[in-house]
Amino acid sequence: MPRKVQRTNTISIRLTDEEKLDWELKAHAAGLSISQLAREAMNRVKVMNVGDRAIQIQRTYQIAKIGNNLNQIARWANTYTNTIEAVEVITYLIAIEKALLALKFTKGSEE
């Protein structure tokens, strides 16, 4: 039989009456104490450090810029749909879209 862990440290959290009731109801529904519920919830949280957050913000900004440029190119291609250049541009747009989708799914699988 596993040894019971002795927990001696306490953390206080201020809650509204509604938040406290919500936590109590969730804990009861899960068959847990509020402490167990909080520990389980905290164990599922991934915390990003400041550097990671800055990289994510920059990445999002760069992808948004790429999206804006692609929209401008797509508008041009839709305007000049009968030219060979438009067909070539659309081909490149499709390739870029596939690359961006691959990036999105690669990044999403890390989280």
PDB file of N, CA and C in Angstrom:
ATOM      1  N   MET A   1       0.843  -1.185   0.000  1.00  0.00           N
ATOM      2  CA  MET A   1       0.000   0.000   0.000  1.00  0.00           C
ATOM      3  C   MET A   1       0.883   1.241   0.000  1.00  0.00           C
ATOM      4  N   PRO A   2       0.602   2.227  -0.905  1.00  0.00           N
ATOM      5  CA  PRO A   2       1.438   3.424  -0.982  1.00  0.00           C
ATOM      6  C   PRO A   2       1.388   4.226   0.313  1.00  0.00           C
ATOM      7  N   ARG A   3       2.519   4.820   0.611  1.00  0.00           N
ATOM      8  CA  ARG A   3       2.639   5.647   1.803  1.00  0.00           C
ATOM      9  C   ARG A   3       1.893   6.959   1.594  1.00  0.00           C
ATOM     10  N   LYS A   4       1.143   7.399   2.592  1.00  0.00           N
ATOM     11  CA  LYS A   4       0.396   8.650   2.500  1.00  0.00           C
ATOM     12  C   LYS A   4       1.364   9.826   2.639  1.00  0.00           C
ATOM     13  N   VAL A   5       1.243  10.786   1.722  1.00  0.00           N
ATOM     14  CA  VAL A   5       2.104  11.961   1.741  1.00  0.00           C
ATOM     15  C   VAL A   5       1.591  12.943   2.789  1.00  0.00           C
ATOM     16  N   GLN A   6       2.499  13.426   3.607  1.00  0.00           N
ATOM     17  CA  GLN A   6       2.143  14.414   4.628  1.00  0.00           C
ATOM     18  C   GLN A   6       2.274  15.807   4.023  1.00  0.00           C
ATOM     19  N   ARG A   7       1.172  16.503   3.884  1.00  0.00           N
ATOM     20  CA  ARG A   7       1.181  17.863   3.332  1.00  0.00           C
ATOM     21  C   ARG A   7       1.033  18.843   4.481  1.00  0.00           C
ATOM     22  N   THR A   8       2.057  19.671   4.672  1.00  0.00           N
ATOM     23  CA  THR A   8       2.054  20.588   5.812  1.00  0.00           C
ATOM     24  C   THR A   8       2.022  22.057   5.400  1.00  0.00           C
ATOM     25  N   ASN A   9       2.169  22.342   4.113  1.00  0.00           N
ATOM     26  CA  ASN A   9       2.183  23.734   3.642  1.00  0.00           C
ATOM     27  C   ASN A   9       0.797  24.169   3.203  1.00  0.00           C
ATOM     28  N   THR A  10       0.519  25.463   3.389  1.00  0.00           N
ATOM     29  CA  THR A  10      -0.789  26.013   3.055  1.00  0.00           C
ATOM     30  C   THR A  10      -0.610  27.227   2.145  1.00  0.00           C
ATOM     31  N   ILE A  11      -1.512  27.354   1.178  1.00  0.00           N
ATOM     32  CA  ILE A  11      -1.584  28.541   0.323  1.00  0.00           C
ATOM     33  C   ILE A  11      -2.998  29.086   0.447  1.00  0.00           C
ATOM     34  N   SER A  12      -3.113  30.392   0.690  1.00  0.00           N
ATOM     35  CA  SER A  12      -4.435  31.020   0.787  1.00  0.00           C
ATOM     36  C   SER A  12      -4.775  31.689  -0.535  1.00  0.00           C
ATOM     37  N   ILE A  13      -6.020  31.557  -0.935  1.00  0.00           N
ATOM     38  CA  ILE A  13      -6.507  32.181  -2.161  1.00  0.00           C
ATOM     39  C   ILE A  13      -7.800  32.915  -1.829  1.00  0.00           C
ATOM     40  N   ARG A  14      -7.894  34.159  -2.252  1.00  0.00           N
ATOM     41  CA  ARG A  14      -9.113  34.932  -2.019  1.00  0.00           C
ATOM     42  C   ARG A  14     -10.096  34.665  -3.159  1.00  0.00           C
ATOM     43  N   LEU A  15     -11.328  34.367  -2.780  1.00  0.00           N
ATOM     44  CA  LEU A  15     -12.379  34.066  -3.749  1.00  0.00           C
ATOM     45  C   LEU A  15     -13.636  34.840  -3.398  1.00  0.00           C
ATOM     46  N   THR A  16     -14.447  35.106  -4.400  1.00  0.00           N
ATOM     47  CA  THR A  16     -15.779  35.638  -4.137  1.00  0.00           C
ATOM     48  C   THR A  16     -16.635  34.483  -3.625  1.00  0.00           C
ATOM     49  N   ASP A  17     -17.798  34.800  -3.096  1.00  0.00           N
ATOM     50  CA  ASP A  17     -18.711  33.746  -2.646  1.00  0.00           C
ATOM     51  C   ASP A  17     -19.080  32.820  -3.797  1.00  0.00           C
ATOM     52  N   GLU A  18     -19.299  33.410  -4.985  1.00  0.00           N
ATOM     53  CA  GLU A  18     -19.670  32.614  -6.157  1.00  0.00           C
ATOM     54  C   GLU A  18     -18.530  31.689  -6.579  1.00  0.00           C
ATOM     55  N   GLU A  19     -17.297  32.206  -6.583  1.00  0.00           N
ATOM     56  CA  GLU A  19     -16.145  31.378  -6.957  1.00  0.00           C
ATOM     57  C   GLU A  19     -15.970  30.231  -5.966  1.00  0.00           C
ATOM     58  N   LYS A  20     -16.102  30.531  -4.682  1.00  0.00           N
ATOM     59  CA  LYS A  20     -15.949  29.497  -3.654  1.00  0.00           C
ATOM     60  C   LYS A  20     -16.997  28.400  -3.839  1.00  0.00           C
ATOM     61  N   LEU A  21     -18.236  28.808  -4.064  1.00  0.00           N
ATOM     62  CA  LEU A  21     -19.303  27.835  -4.276  1.00  0.00           C
ATOM     63  C   LEU A  21     -19.021  26.996  -5.531  1.00  0.00           C
ATOM     64  N   ASP A  22     -18.565  27.644  -6.590  1.00  0.00           N
ATOM     65  CA  ASP A  22     -18.242  26.940  -7.826  1.00  0.00           C
ATOM     66  C   ASP A  22     -17.154  25.902  -7.584  1.00  0.00           C
ATOM     67  N   TRP A  23     -16.104  26.272  -6.854  1.00  0.00           N
ATOM     68  CA  TRP A  23     -15.018  25.338  -6.552  1.00  0.00           C
ATOM     69  C   TRP A  23     -15.535  24.175  -5.709  1.00  0.00           C
ATOM     70  N   GLU A  24     -16.359  24.486  -4.717  1.00  0.00           N
ATOM     71  CA  GLU A  24     -16.909  23.434  -3.860  1.00  0.00           C
ATOM     72  C   GLU A  24     -17.765  22.453  -4.661  1.00  0.00           C
ATOM     73  N   LEU A  25     -18.591  22.994  -5.560  1.00  0.00           N
ATOM     74  CA  LEU A  25     -19.438  22.128  -6.391  1.00  0.00           C
ATOM     75  C   LEU A  25     -18.602  21.252  -7.328  1.00  0.00           C
ATOM     76  N   LYS A  26     -17.577  21.836  -7.923  1.00  0.00           N
ATOM     77  CA  LYS A  26     -16.712  21.064  -8.821  1.00  0.00           C
ATOM     78  C   LYS A  26     -15.974  19.972  -8.057  1.00  0.00           C
ATOM     79  N   ALA A  27     -15.462  20.320  -6.889  1.00  0.00           N
ATOM     80  CA  ALA A  27     -14.747  19.329  -6.079  1.00  0.00           C
ATOM     81  C   ALA A  27     -15.694  18.196  -5.682  1.00  0.00           C
ATOM     82  N   HIS A  28     -16.889  18.558  -5.236  1.00  0.00           N
ATOM     83  CA  HIS A  28     -17.876  17.546  -4.829  1.00  0.00           C
ATOM     84  C   HIS A  28     -18.237  16.636  -6.001  1.00  0.00           C
ATOM     85  N   ALA A  29     -18.473  17.239  -7.172  1.00  0.00           N
ATOM     86  CA  ALA A  29     -18.841  16.454  -8.349  1.00  0.00           C
ATOM     87  C   ALA A  29     -17.731  15.486  -8.751  1.00  0.00           C
ATOM     88  N   ALA A  30     -16.476  15.900  -8.513  1.00  0.00           N
ATOM     89  CA  ALA A  30     -15.341  15.044  -8.867  1.00  0.00           C
ATOM     90  C   ALA A  30     -14.977  14.075  -7.746  1.00  0.00           C
ATOM     91  N   GLY A  31     -15.650  14.210  -6.600  1.00  0.00           N
ATOM     92  CA  GLY A  31     -15.326  13.350  -5.468  1.00  0.00           C
ATOM     93  C   GLY A  31     -13.990  13.695  -4.838  1.00  0.00           C
ATOM     94  N   LEU A  32     -13.621  14.976  -4.884  1.00  0.00           N
ATOM     95  CA  LEU A  32     -12.338  15.442  -4.368  1.00  0.00           C
ATOM     96  C   LEU A  32     -12.541  16.523  -3.327  1.00  0.00           C
ATOM     97  N   SER A  33     -11.510  16.751  -2.536  1.00  0.00           N
ATOM     98  CA  SER A  33     -11.521  17.929  -1.678  1.00  0.00           C
ATOM     99  C   SER A  33     -11.109  19.120  -2.545  1.00  0.00           C
ATOM    100  N   ILE A  34     -11.337  20.316  -2.050  1.00  0.00           N
ATOM    101  CA  ILE A  34     -10.920  21.506  -2.806  1.00  0.00           C
ATOM    102  C   ILE A  34      -9.404  21.488  -2.991  1.00  0.00           C
ATOM    103  N   SER A  35      -8.662  21.051  -1.982  1.00  0.00           N
ATOM    104  CA  SER A  35      -7.204  20.969  -2.099  1.00  0.00           C
ATOM    105  C   SER A  35      -6.792  20.005  -3.211  1.00  0.00           C
ATOM    106  N   GLN A  36      -7.430  18.837  -3.259  1.00  0.00           N
ATOM    107  CA  GLN A  36      -7.121  17.866  -4.315  1.00  0.00           C
ATOM    108  C   GLN A  36      -7.455  18.438  -5.691  1.00  0.00           C
ATOM    109  N   LEU A  37      -8.611  19.078  -5.781  1.00  0.00           N
ATOM    110  CA  LEU A  37      -9.028  19.691  -7.048  1.00  0.00           C
ATOM    111  C   LEU A  37      -8.008  20.726  -7.501  1.00  0.00           C
ATOM    112  N   ALA A  38      -7.574  21.587  -6.587  1.00  0.00           N
ATOM    113  CA  ALA A  38      -6.605  22.633  -6.929  1.00  0.00           C
ATOM    114  C   ALA A  38      -5.271  22.022  -7.352  1.00  0.00           C
ATOM    115  N   ARG A  39      -4.802  20.994  -6.637  1.00  0.00           N
ATOM    116  CA  ARG A  39      -3.537  20.351  -7.012  1.00  0.00           C
ATOM    117  C   ARG A  39      -3.631  19.727  -8.396  1.00  0.00           C
ATOM    118  N   GLU A  40      -4.728  19.020  -8.656  1.00  0.00           N
ATOM    119  CA  GLU A  40      -4.888  18.395  -9.973  1.00  0.00           C
ATOM    120  C   GLU A  40      -4.957  19.443 -11.082  1.00  0.00           C
ATOM    121  N   ALA A  41      -5.677  20.523 -10.815  1.00  0.00           N
ATOM    122  CA  ALA A  41      -5.778  21.588 -11.825  1.00  0.00           C
ATOM    123  C   ALA A  41      -4.413  22.219 -12.081  1.00  0.00           C
ATOM    124  N   MET A  42      -3.653  22.493 -11.036  1.00  0.00           N
ATOM    125  CA  MET A  42      -2.341  23.116 -11.201  1.00  0.00           C
ATOM    126  C   MET A  42      -1.361  22.180 -11.907  1.00  0.00           C
ATOM    127  N   ASN A  43      -1.500  20.893 -11.708  1.00  0.00           N
ATOM    128  CA  ASN A  43      -0.611  19.943 -12.379  1.00  0.00           C
ATOM    129  C   ASN A  43      -0.860  19.884 -13.885  1.00  0.00           C
ATOM    130  N   ARG A  44      -2.038  20.332 -14.332  1.00  0.00           N
ATOM    131  CA  ARG A  44      -2.356  20.330 -15.765  1.00  0.00           C
ATOM    132  C   ARG A  44      -1.957  21.635 -16.454  1.00  0.00           C
ATOM    133  N   VAL A  45      -1.607  22.659 -15.700  1.00  0.00           N
ATOM    134  CA  VAL A  45      -1.318  23.978 -16.268  1.00  0.00           C
ATOM    135  C   VAL A  45       0.127  24.024 -16.764  1.00  0.00           C
ATOM    136  N   LYS A  46       0.288  24.496 -18.000  1.00  0.00           N
ATOM    137  CA  LYS A  46       1.620  24.729 -18.545  1.00  0.00           C
ATOM    138  C   LYS A  46       1.896  26.226 -18.435  1.00  0.00           C
ATOM    139  N   VAL A  47       2.950  26.570 -17.750  1.00  0.00           N
ATOM    140  CA  VAL A  47       3.298  27.971 -17.547  1.00  0.00           C
ATOM    141  C   VAL A  47       4.414  28.341 -18.512  1.00  0.00           C
ATOM    142  N   MET A  48       4.195  29.425 -19.245  1.00  0.00           N
ATOM    143  CA  MET A  48       5.223  29.920 -20.165  1.00  0.00           C
ATOM    144  C   MET A  48       6.066  30.949 -19.428  1.00  0.00           C
ATOM    145  N   ASN A  49       7.394  30.861 -19.589  1.00  0.00           N
ATOM    146  CA  ASN A  49       8.212  31.894 -18.986  1.00  0.00           C
ATOM    147  C   ASN A  49       8.174  33.136 -19.871  1.00  0.00           C
ATOM    148  N   VAL A  50       8.710  34.236 -19.372  1.00  0.00           N
ATOM    149  CA  VAL A  50       8.623  35.519 -20.070  1.00  0.00           C
ATOM    150  C   VAL A  50       9.266  35.429 -21.449  1.00  0.00           C
ATOM    151  N   GLY A  51      10.384  34.736 -21.561  1.00  0.00           N
ATOM    152  CA  GLY A  51      11.060  34.599 -22.852  1.00  0.00           C
ATOM    153  C   GLY A  51      10.218  33.844 -23.857  1.00  0.00           C
ATOM    154  N   ASP A  52       9.588  32.747 -23.417  1.00  0.00           N
ATOM    155  CA  ASP A  52       8.712  31.974 -24.302  1.00  0.00           C
ATOM    156  C   ASP A  52       7.541  32.825 -24.785  1.00  0.00           C
ATOM    157  N   ARG A  53       6.978  33.618 -23.871  1.00  0.00           N
ATOM    158  CA  ARG A  53       5.841  34.459 -24.220  1.00  0.00           C
ATOM    159  C   ARG A  53       6.251  35.497 -25.272  1.00  0.00           C
ATOM    160  N   ALA A  54       7.428  36.088 -25.103  1.00  0.00           N
ATOM    161  CA  ALA A  54       7.906  37.085 -26.069  1.00  0.00           C
ATOM    162  C   ALA A  54       8.113  36.453 -27.444  1.00  0.00           C
ATOM    163  N   ILE A  55       8.650  35.243 -27.464  1.00  0.00           N
ATOM    164  CA  ILE A  55       8.848  34.534 -28.736  1.00  0.00           C
ATOM    165  C   ILE A  55       7.503  34.238 -29.383  1.00  0.00           C
ATOM    166  N   GLN A  56       6.539  33.798 -28.587  1.00  0.00           N
ATOM    167  CA  GLN A  56       5.204  33.491 -29.119  1.00  0.00           C
ATOM    168  C   GLN A  56       4.539  34.743 -29.688  1.00  0.00           C
ATOM    169  N   ILE A  57       4.664  35.873 -28.988  1.00  0.00           N
ATOM    170  CA  ILE A  57       4.088  37.131 -29.475  1.00  0.00           C
ATOM    171  C   ILE A  57       4.739  37.530 -30.792  1.00  0.00           C
ATOM    172  N   GLN A  58       6.071  37.416 -30.880  1.00  0.00           N
ATOM    173  CA  GLN A  58       6.779  37.772 -32.113  1.00  0.00           C
ATOM    174  C   GLN A  58       6.392  36.842 -33.247  1.00  0.00           C
ATOM    175  N   ARG A  59       6.278  35.554 -32.957  1.00  0.00           N
ATOM    176  CA  ARG A  59       5.885  34.581 -33.981  1.00  0.00           C
ATOM    177  C   ARG A  59       4.484  34.898 -34.511  1.00  0.00           C
ATOM    178  N   THR A  60       3.567  35.193 -33.609  1.00  0.00           N
ATOM    179  CA  THR A  60       2.196  35.525 -34.006  1.00  0.00           C
ATOM    180  C   THR A  60       2.183  36.779 -34.871  1.00  0.00           C
ATOM    181  N   TYR A  61       2.979  37.783 -34.487  1.00  0.00           N
ATOM    182  CA  TYR A  61       3.072  39.026 -35.259  1.00  0.00           C
ATOM    183  C   TYR A  61       3.589  38.747 -36.672  1.00  0.00           C
ATOM    184  N   GLN A  62       4.643  37.930 -36.768  1.00  0.00           N
ATOM    185  CA  GLN A  62       5.215  37.618 -38.083  1.00  0.00           C
ATOM    186  C   GLN A  62       4.229  36.839 -38.956  1.00  0.00           C
ATOM    187  N   ILE A  63       3.518  35.894 -38.353  1.00  0.00           N
ATOM    188  CA  ILE A  63       2.531  35.128 -39.122  1.00  0.00           C
ATOM    189  C   ILE A  63       1.397  36.039 -39.590  1.00  0.00           C
ATOM    190  N   ALA A  64       0.992  36.996 -38.746  1.00  0.00           N
ATOM    191  CA  ALA A  64      -0.048  37.954 -39.156  1.00  0.00           C
ATOM    192  C   ALA A  64       0.426  38.790 -40.333  1.00  0.00           C
ATOM    193  N   LYS A  65       1.692  39.210 -40.309  1.00  0.00           N
ATOM    194  CA  LYS A  65       2.239  39.976 -41.440  1.00  0.00           C
ATOM    195  C   LYS A  65       2.235  39.141 -42.715  1.00  0.00           C
ATOM    196  N   ILE A  66       2.616  37.887 -42.588  1.00  0.00           N
ATOM    197  CA  ILE A  66       2.601  36.992 -43.748  1.00  0.00           C
ATOM    198  C   ILE A  66       1.178  36.858 -44.273  1.00  0.00           C
ATOM    199  N   GLY A  67       0.227  36.690 -43.362  1.00  0.00           N
ATOM    200  CA  GLY A  67      -1.177  36.583 -43.768  1.00  0.00           C
ATOM    201  C   GLY A  67      -1.655  37.819 -44.507  1.00  0.00           C
ATOM    202  N   ASN A  68      -1.276  39.004 -44.029  1.00  0.00           N
ATOM    203  CA  ASN A  68      -1.660  40.242 -44.717  1.00  0.00           C
ATOM    204  C   ASN A  68      -1.080  40.288 -46.119  1.00  0.00           C
ATOM    205  N   ASN A  69       0.198  39.922 -46.247  1.00  0.00           N
ATOM    206  CA  ASN A  69       0.829  39.914 -47.568  1.00  0.00           C
ATOM    207  C   ASN A  69       0.148  38.903 -48.491  1.00  0.00           C
ATOM    208  N   LEU A  70      -0.188  37.739 -47.957  1.00  0.00           N
ATOM    209  CA  LEU A  70      -0.859  36.732 -48.773  1.00  0.00           C
ATOM    210  C   LEU A  70      -2.236  37.220 -49.230  1.00  0.00           C
ATOM    211  N   ASN A  71      -2.942  37.929 -48.372  1.00  0.00           N
ATOM    212  CA  ASN A  71      -4.243  38.475 -48.768  1.00  0.00           C
ATOM    213  C   ASN A  71      -4.094  39.477 -49.904  1.00  0.00           C
ATOM    214  N   GLN A  72      -3.066  40.311 -49.845  1.00  0.00           N
ATOM    215  CA  GLN A  72      -2.834  41.276 -50.932  1.00  0.00           C
ATOM    216  C   GLN A  72      -2.525  40.557 -52.241  1.00  0.00           C
ATOM    217  N   ILE A  73      -1.696  39.522 -52.154  1.00  0.00           N
ATOM    218  CA  ILE A  73      -1.356  38.751 -53.355  1.00  0.00           C
ATOM    219  C   ILE A  73      -2.597  38.040 -53.897  1.00  0.00           C
ATOM    220  N   ALA A  74      -3.403  37.481 -53.006  1.00  0.00           N
ATOM    221  CA  ALA A  74      -4.619  36.784 -53.442  1.00  0.00           C
ATOM    222  C   ALA A  74      -5.578  37.753 -54.125  1.00  0.00           C
ATOM    223  N   ARG A  75      -5.716  38.971 -53.580  1.00  0.00           N
ATOM    224  CA  ARG A  75      -6.580  39.974 -54.231  1.00  0.00           C
ATOM    225  C   ARG A  75      -6.074  40.281 -55.637  1.00  0.00           C
ATOM    226  N   TRP A  76      -4.751  40.435 -55.779  1.00  0.00           N
ATOM    227  CA  TRP A  76      -4.180  40.703 -57.095  1.00  0.00           C
ATOM    228  C   TRP A  76      -4.480  39.530 -58.032  1.00  0.00           C
ATOM    229  N   ALA A  77      -4.265  38.307 -57.556  1.00  0.00           N
ATOM    230  CA  ALA A  77      -4.480  37.126 -58.395  1.00  0.00           C
ATOM    231  C   ALA A  77      -5.942  37.010 -58.802  1.00  0.00           C
ATOM    232  N   ASN A  78      -6.871  37.362 -57.908  1.00  0.00           N
ATOM    233  CA  ASN A  78      -8.298  37.302 -58.251  1.00  0.00           C
ATOM    234  C   ASN A  78      -8.682  38.381 -59.253  1.00  0.00           C
ATOM    235  N   THR A  79      -7.962  39.487 -59.236  1.00  0.00           N
ATOM    236  CA  THR A  79      -8.232  40.563 -60.198  1.00  0.00           C
ATOM    237  C   THR A  79      -7.749  40.179 -61.599  1.00  0.00           C
ATOM    238  N   TYR A  80      -6.592  39.518 -61.652  1.00  0.00           N
ATOM    239  CA  TYR A  80      -5.986  39.164 -62.935  1.00  0.00           C
ATOM    240  C   TYR A  80      -6.038  37.653 -63.147  1.00  0.00           C
ATOM    241  N   THR A  81      -7.216  37.092 -63.103  1.00  0.00           N
ATOM    242  CA  THR A  81      -7.371  35.631 -63.152  1.00  0.00           C
ATOM    243  C   THR A  81      -7.050  35.020 -64.509  1.00  0.00           C
ATOM    244  N   ASN A  82      -7.016  35.804 -65.560  1.00  0.00           N
ATOM    245  CA  ASN A  82      -6.808  35.237 -66.895  1.00  0.00           C
ATOM    246  C   ASN A  82      -5.349  35.199 -67.309  1.00  0.00           C
ATOM    247  N   THR A  83      -4.457  35.723 -66.514  1.00  0.00           N
ATOM    248  CA  THR A  83      -3.056  35.773 -66.945  1.00  0.00           C
ATOM    249  C   THR A  83      -2.279  34.575 -66.401  1.00  0.00           C
ATOM    250  N   ILE A  84      -1.218  34.230 -67.122  1.00  0.00           N
ATOM    251  CA  ILE A  84      -0.340  33.127 -66.710  1.00  0.00           C
ATOM    252  C   ILE A  84       0.319  33.456 -65.372  1.00  0.00           C
ATOM    253  N   GLU A  85       0.667  34.740 -65.169  1.00  0.00           N
ATOM    254  CA  GLU A  85       1.307  35.138 -63.908  1.00  0.00           C
ATOM    255  C   GLU A  85       0.393  34.852 -62.720  1.00  0.00           C
ATOM    256  N   ALA A  86      -0.906  35.069 -62.894  1.00  0.00           N
ATOM    257  CA  ALA A  86      -1.852  34.823 -61.809  1.00  0.00           C
ATOM    258  C   ALA A  86      -1.890  33.339 -61.457  1.00  0.00           C
ATOM    259  N   VAL A  87      -1.867  32.482 -62.467  1.00  0.00           N
ATOM    260  CA  VAL A  87      -1.870  31.035 -62.219  1.00  0.00           C
ATOM    261  C   VAL A  87      -0.612  30.640 -61.447  1.00  0.00           C
ATOM    262  N   GLU A  88       0.519  31.226 -61.828  1.00  0.00           N
ATOM    263  CA  GLU A  88       1.776  30.927 -61.141  1.00  0.00           C
ATOM    264  C   GLU A  88       1.736  31.426 -59.689  1.00  0.00           C
ATOM    265  N   VAL A  89       1.196  32.624 -59.483  1.00  0.00           N
ATOM    266  CA  VAL A  89       1.085  33.184 -58.136  1.00  0.00           C
ATOM    267  C   VAL A  89       0.170  32.311 -57.276  1.00  0.00           C
ATOM    268  N   ILE A  90      -0.936  31.890 -57.839  1.00  0.00           N
ATOM    269  CA  ILE A  90      -1.870  31.047 -57.088  1.00  0.00           C
ATOM    270  C   ILE A  90      -1.194  29.727 -56.703  1.00  0.00           C
ATOM    271  N   THR A  91      -0.388  29.174 -57.600  1.00  0.00           N
ATOM    272  CA  THR A  91       0.351  27.947 -57.297  1.00  0.00           C
ATOM    273  C   THR A  91       1.262  28.160 -56.094  1.00  0.00           C
ATOM    274  N   TYR A  92       1.974  29.294 -56.088  1.00  0.00           N
ATOM    275  CA  TYR A  92       2.848  29.614 -54.947  1.00  0.00           C
ATOM    276  C   TYR A  92       2.040  29.856 -53.675  1.00  0.00           C
ATOM    277  N   LEU A  93       0.903  30.508 -53.803  1.00  0.00           N
ATOM    278  CA  LEU A  93       0.054  30.739 -52.626  1.00  0.00           C
ATOM    279  C   LEU A  93      -0.384  29.424 -51.989  1.00  0.00           C
ATOM    280  N   ILE A  94      -0.729  28.465 -52.821  1.00  0.00           N
ATOM    281  CA  ILE A  94      -1.146  27.157 -52.304  1.00  0.00           C
ATOM    282  C   ILE A  94       0.017  26.496 -51.567  1.00  0.00           C
ATOM    283  N   ALA A  95       1.217  26.594 -52.138  1.00  0.00           N
ATOM    284  CA  ALA A  95       2.396  26.011 -51.481  1.00  0.00           C
ATOM    285  C   ALA A  95       2.677  26.703 -50.151  1.00  0.00           C
ATOM    286  N   ILE A  96       2.539  28.022 -50.114  1.00  0.00           N
ATOM    287  CA  ILE A  96       2.756  28.782 -48.875  1.00  0.00           C
ATOM    288  C   ILE A  96       1.709  28.402 -47.838  1.00  0.00           C
ATOM    289  N   GLU A  97       0.460  28.271 -48.277  1.00  0.00           N
ATOM    290  CA  GLU A  97      -0.601  27.879 -47.356  1.00  0.00           C
ATOM    291  C   GLU A  97      -0.307  26.516 -46.730  1.00  0.00           C
ATOM    292  N   LYS A  98       0.140  25.567 -47.549  1.00  0.00           N
ATOM    293  CA  LYS A  98       0.467  24.234 -47.030  1.00  0.00           C
ATOM    294  C   LYS A  98       1.606  24.315 -46.013  1.00  0.00           C
ATOM    295  N   ALA A  99       2.608  25.146 -46.301  1.00  0.00           N
ATOM    296  CA  ALA A  99       3.738  25.294 -45.372  1.00  0.00           C
ATOM    297  C   ALA A  99       3.283  25.912 -44.057  1.00  0.00           C
ATOM    298  N   LEU A 100       2.406  26.925 -44.131  1.00  0.00           N
ATOM    299  CA  LEU A 100       1.904  27.556 -42.911  1.00  0.00           C
ATOM    300  C   LEU A 100       1.037  26.594 -42.105  1.00  0.00           C
ATOM    301  N   LEU A 101       0.227  25.800 -42.775  1.00  0.00           N
ATOM    302  CA  LEU A 101      -0.585  24.808 -42.062  1.00  0.00           C
ATOM    303  C   LEU A 101       0.300  23.774 -41.374  1.00  0.00           C
ATOM    304  N   ALA A 102       1.378  23.375 -42.045  1.00  0.00           N
ATOM    305  CA  ALA A 102       2.311  22.423 -41.432  1.00  0.00           C
ATOM    306  C   ALA A 102       2.950  23.038 -40.195  1.00  0.00           C
ATOM    307  N   LEU A 103       3.296  24.324 -40.265  1.00  0.00           N
ATOM    308  CA  LEU A 103       3.851  25.034 -39.101  1.00  0.00           C
ATOM    309  C   LEU A 103       2.853  25.063 -37.963  1.00  0.00           C
ATOM    310  N   LYS A 104       1.617  25.373 -38.299  1.00  0.00           N
ATOM    311  CA  LYS A 104       0.559  25.461 -37.286  1.00  0.00           C
ATOM    312  C   LYS A 104       0.400  24.140 -36.560  1.00  0.00           C
ATOM    313  N   PHE A 105       0.339  23.038 -37.317  1.00  0.00           N
ATOM    314  CA  PHE A 105       0.130  21.735 -36.700  1.00  0.00           C
ATOM    315  C   PHE A 105       1.370  21.291 -35.935  1.00  0.00           C
ATOM    316  N   THR A 106       2.558  21.637 -36.428  1.00  0.00           N
ATOM    317  CA  THR A 106       3.786  21.295 -35.707  1.00  0.00           C
ATOM    318  C   THR A 106       3.821  22.019 -34.388  1.00  0.00           C
ATOM    319  N   LYS A 107       3.516  23.306 -34.375  1.00  0.00           N
ATOM    320  CA  LYS A 107       3.511  24.091 -33.145  1.00  0.00           C
ATOM    321  C   LYS A 107       2.435  23.596 -32.196  1.00  0.00           C
ATOM    322  N   GLY A 108       1.255  23.297 -32.705  1.00  0.00           N
ATOM    323  CA  GLY A 108       0.168  22.838 -31.867  1.00  0.00           C
ATOM    324  C   GLY A 108       0.461  21.506 -31.200  1.00  0.00           C
ATOM    325  N   SER A 109       1.247  20.660 -31.842  1.00  0.00           N
ATOM    326  CA  SER A 109       1.542  19.362 -31.257  1.00  0.00           C
ATOM    327  C   SER A 109       2.534  19.456 -30.117  1.00  0.00           C
ATOM    328  N   GLU A 110       3.279  20.583 -30.020  1.00  0.00           N
ATOM    329  CA  GLU A 110       4.233  20.778 -28.932  1.00  0.00           C
ATOM    330  C   GLU A 110       3.535  21.153 -27.648  1.00  0.00           C
ATOM    331  N   GLU A 111       2.363  21.751 -27.738  1.00  0.00           N
ATOM    332  CA  GLU A 111       1.694  22.268 -26.558  1.00  0.00           C
ATOM    333  C   GLU A 111       0.840  21.258 -25.872  1.00  0.00           C
TER     334      GLU A 111
END
